[in-house]
Amino acid sequence: MTKRILLSAAVLAIAAACGKAAESTEQAAAEAPAPKNDAQRAADIAMALQVFPEKTDSVLKAYNMTADDLEKLMYKVAQDSALSAEYGRIMTR
């Protein structure tokens, strides 16, 4: 299960790297407070998994997610260029 989650995170990281170029309007929008969207949620979970890689099940439970849910979320973010770019900005802060 951990390999699948790490693979999903790697796919998303690659997609985020491809979408790093951001317009100034996108940057301004990213700096404004906004409700959590899929990119923010995916980034929150990814950061928690980086901090606690040995506690994958606990991290997923804390976010009310299963491994399948996380995989679907990561692919959803990776497939959307705006979400992917936002995820990249969040993860590189």
Protein backbone atom coordinates (compact mmCIF):
# COMPACT_ATOMS: atom_id res chain seq x y z
CA MET A 1 0.00 0.00 0.00
CA THR A 2 2.80 2.43 0.84
CA LYS A 3 4.40 1.84 -2.56
CA ARG A 4 1.13 2.72 -4.28
CA ILE A 5 0.80 5.95 -2.29
CA LEU A 6 4.41 6.91 -2.98
CA LEU A 7 3.89 6.13 -6.67
CA SER A 8 0.81 8.37 -6.69
CA ALA A 9 2.77 11.14 -5.00
CA ALA A 10 5.60 10.73 -7.53
CA VAL A 11 3.16 10.98 -10.45
CA LEU A 12 1.73 14.14 -8.96
CA ALA A 13 5.16 15.62 -8.30
CA ILE A 14 6.13 15.07 -11.93
CA ALA A 15 2.90 16.65 -13.11
CA ALA A 16 3.44 19.59 -10.76
CA ALA A 17 6.96 20.10 -12.06
CA CYS A 18 5.57 20.34 -15.57
CA GLY A 19 3.16 23.07 -14.51
CA LYS A 20 5.57 25.26 -12.54
CA ALA A 21 5.34 28.26 -14.86
CA ALA A 22 2.62 30.45 -13.41
CA GLU A 23 1.05 33.63 -14.64
CA SER A 24 1.13 36.64 -12.32
CA THR A 25 -2.64 36.41 -11.91
CA GLU A 26 -2.32 32.78 -10.81
CA GLN A 27 0.32 33.81 -8.28
CA ALA A 28 -1.91 36.55 -6.90
CA ALA A 29 -4.80 34.12 -6.62
CA ALA A 30 -2.59 31.59 -4.83
CA GLU A 31 -1.59 34.19 -2.25
CA ALA A 32 -5.19 35.05 -1.38
CA PRO A 33 -6.78 32.91 1.32
CA ALA A 34 -9.24 30.44 -0.11
CA PRO A 35 -11.14 27.39 1.06
CA LYS A 36 -9.26 24.11 0.76
CA ASN A 37 -9.59 22.54 -2.64
CA ASP A 38 -8.34 19.24 -4.00
CA ALA A 39 -4.80 20.58 -4.54
CA GLN A 40 -4.55 21.85 -0.96
CA ARG A 41 -5.99 18.66 0.44
CA ALA A 42 -3.62 16.51 -1.64
CA ALA A 43 -0.67 18.64 -0.53
CA ASP A 44 -1.71 18.44 3.14
CA ILE A 45 -1.84 14.66 2.94
CA ALA A 46 1.43 14.42 0.99
CA MET A 47 3.22 16.58 3.57
CA ALA A 48 1.84 14.48 6.42
CA LEU A 49 3.03 11.32 4.67
CA GLN A 50 6.49 12.84 4.24
CA VAL A 51 6.67 13.60 7.96
CA PHE A 52 5.21 10.23 9.04
CA PRO A 53 6.03 7.72 6.28
CA GLU A 54 5.75 4.79 8.68
CA LYS A 55 2.22 5.81 9.72
CA THR A 56 0.50 5.75 6.34
CA ASP A 57 -2.69 4.15 7.65
CA SER A 58 -3.00 6.64 10.51
CA VAL A 59 -2.42 9.63 8.23
CA LEU A 60 -5.05 8.43 5.77
CA LYS A 61 -7.50 7.78 8.59
CA ALA A 62 -6.93 11.29 9.96
CA TYR A 63 -7.97 12.69 6.58
CA ASN A 64 -10.90 10.26 6.24
CA MET A 65 -9.25 8.71 3.19
CA THR A 66 -8.44 5.22 1.99
CA ALA A 67 -5.45 4.44 -0.21
CA ASP A 68 -7.84 4.24 -3.16
CA ASP A 69 -9.35 7.64 -2.29
CA LEU A 70 -5.89 9.20 -2.13
CA GLU A 71 -4.90 7.64 -5.43
CA LYS A 72 -8.03 9.05 -7.09
CA LEU A 73 -7.38 12.48 -5.57
CA MET A 74 -3.76 12.51 -6.73
CA TYR A 75 -4.72 11.55 -10.28
CA LYS A 76 -7.49 14.16 -10.30
CA VAL A 77 -5.02 16.87 -9.31
CA ALA A 78 -2.41 15.60 -11.77
CA GLN A 79 -4.88 15.69 -14.66
CA ASP A 80 -5.96 19.30 -14.03
CA SER A 81 -3.26 21.81 -14.98
CA ALA A 82 -4.49 24.52 -12.59
CA LEU A 83 -4.72 22.12 -9.63
CA SER A 84 -1.37 20.61 -10.55
CA ALA A 85 0.28 24.04 -10.65
CA GLU A 86 -1.26 24.96 -7.30
CA TYR A 87 -0.10 21.66 -5.79
CA GLY A 88 3.42 22.41 -7.04
CA ARG A 89 3.37 25.89 -5.48
CA ILE A 90 2.16 24.49 -2.15
CA MET A 91 4.73 21.72 -2.07
CA THR A 92 7.65 24.04 -2.86
CA ARG A 93 6.92 26.62 -0.16
